[in-house]
């Protein structure tokens, strides 16, 4: 059985709210919310959390290669120390 969820959407800006509000907090317009019902079909293949398990296998620490990545100096010695020498781009 599909789950139903009621959402109120502002006709002016598209802001969604779980409850009806008189004035839209985003665009400031009054009485622009309309009720919409969203139906979610249950999926039998997904886990209850909605996350599919990965096929990755764990590695031991000795199997992991730590490369020297270029670091960005944060101009704060303590912060650089905590970050292992600076911030890594990525």
Protein backbone atom coordinates (compact mmCIF):
# COMPACT_ATOMS: atom_id res chain seq x y z
CA UNK A 1 0.00 0.00 0.00
CA UNK A 2 1.33 3.43 -0.93
CA UNK A 3 2.06 5.97 1.77
CA UNK A 4 0.38 9.34 1.48
CA UNK A 5 1.96 12.57 2.62
CA UNK A 6 0.25 15.95 2.65
CA UNK A 7 2.44 18.90 1.70
CA UNK A 8 1.46 22.54 1.29
CA UNK A 9 3.17 24.34 -1.60
CA UNK A 10 3.32 28.10 -2.21
CA UNK A 11 1.87 28.93 -5.65
CA UNK A 12 4.13 31.98 -5.87
CA UNK A 13 7.61 30.61 -5.09
CA UNK A 14 7.25 26.83 -4.66
CA UNK A 15 8.19 26.74 -0.96
CA UNK A 16 7.00 23.49 0.69
CA UNK A 17 5.65 23.29 4.23
CA UNK A 18 4.33 20.30 6.21
CA UNK A 19 1.55 22.50 7.63
CA UNK A 20 -0.55 25.27 6.13
CA UNK A 21 0.72 28.75 6.94
CA UNK A 22 -1.03 31.98 6.08
CA UNK A 23 2.02 33.93 4.95
CA UNK A 24 4.85 32.34 2.98
CA UNK A 25 8.13 32.82 4.91
CA UNK A 26 10.14 32.94 1.67
CA UNK A 27 8.26 35.29 -0.67
CA UNK A 28 6.05 37.02 1.93
CA UNK A 29 2.77 36.51 0.01
CA UNK A 30 -0.45 35.76 1.89
CA UNK A 31 -2.78 32.77 1.26
CA UNK A 32 -0.75 31.26 -1.57
CA UNK A 33 -0.39 27.74 -0.12
CA UNK A 34 -2.23 24.86 -1.78
CA UNK A 35 -2.53 21.32 -0.47
CA UNK A 36 -0.83 18.55 -2.44
CA UNK A 37 -0.88 14.84 -1.64
CA UNK A 38 2.28 12.92 -2.43
CA UNK A 39 2.05 9.14 -2.73
CA UNK A 40 5.16 7.07 -2.20
CA UNK A 41 5.07 3.51 -3.47
CA UNK A 42 6.78 1.03 -1.16
CA UNK A 43 9.88 -0.49 -2.64
CA UNK A 44 10.50 -4.12 -1.79
CA UNK A 45 14.10 -4.15 -2.98
CA UNK A 46 15.40 -1.39 -0.71
CA UNK A 47 16.34 -1.83 2.89
CA UNK A 48 14.22 -0.08 5.54
CA UNK A 49 16.76 2.74 5.71
CA UNK A 50 16.49 3.28 1.95
CA UNK A 51 20.22 2.68 1.51
CA UNK A 52 21.38 -0.24 -0.56
CA UNK A 53 24.34 -2.11 0.90
CA UNK A 54 27.64 -1.64 -0.89
CA UNK A 55 29.78 -4.47 -2.17
CA UNK A 56 32.98 -2.95 -0.75
CA UNK A 57 35.22 -5.06 1.40
CA UNK A 58 37.21 -3.62 4.30
CA UNK A 59 40.96 -3.09 3.95
CA UNK A 60 43.55 -3.39 6.66
CA UNK A 61 45.54 -0.26 7.48
CA UNK A 62 48.75 -1.75 6.06
CA UNK A 63 47.02 -2.20 2.67
CA UNK A 64 46.07 1.48 2.38
CA UNK A 65 48.46 3.74 0.49
CA UNK A 66 48.74 7.24 1.91
CA UNK A 67 49.89 9.59 -0.83
CA UNK A 68 51.28 13.04 -0.26
CA UNK A 69 48.47 15.38 -1.21
CA UNK A 70 49.17 19.10 -1.66
CA UNK A 71 47.94 20.94 1.43
CA UNK A 72 46.52 24.44 1.73
CA UNK A 73 48.13 26.43 4.53
CA UNK A 74 45.41 27.81 6.82
CA UNK A 75 47.77 30.39 8.45
CA UNK A 76 47.00 28.96 11.89
CA UNK A 77 49.58 26.56 13.30
CA UNK A 78 47.13 24.73 15.56
CA UNK A 79 44.55 24.28 12.79
CA UNK A 80 47.24 23.07 10.37
CA UNK A 81 48.42 20.58 13.02
CA UNK A 82 44.90 19.24 13.57
CA UNK A 83 44.35 18.91 9.82
CA UNK A 84 47.60 16.98 9.38
CA UNK A 85 49.55 19.82 7.81
CA UNK A 86 46.80 21.86 6.19
CA UNK A 87 43.57 21.54 4.26
CA UNK A 88 43.43 19.00 1.43
CA UNK A 89 41.53 20.13 -1.70
CA UNK A 90 38.65 17.95 -2.64
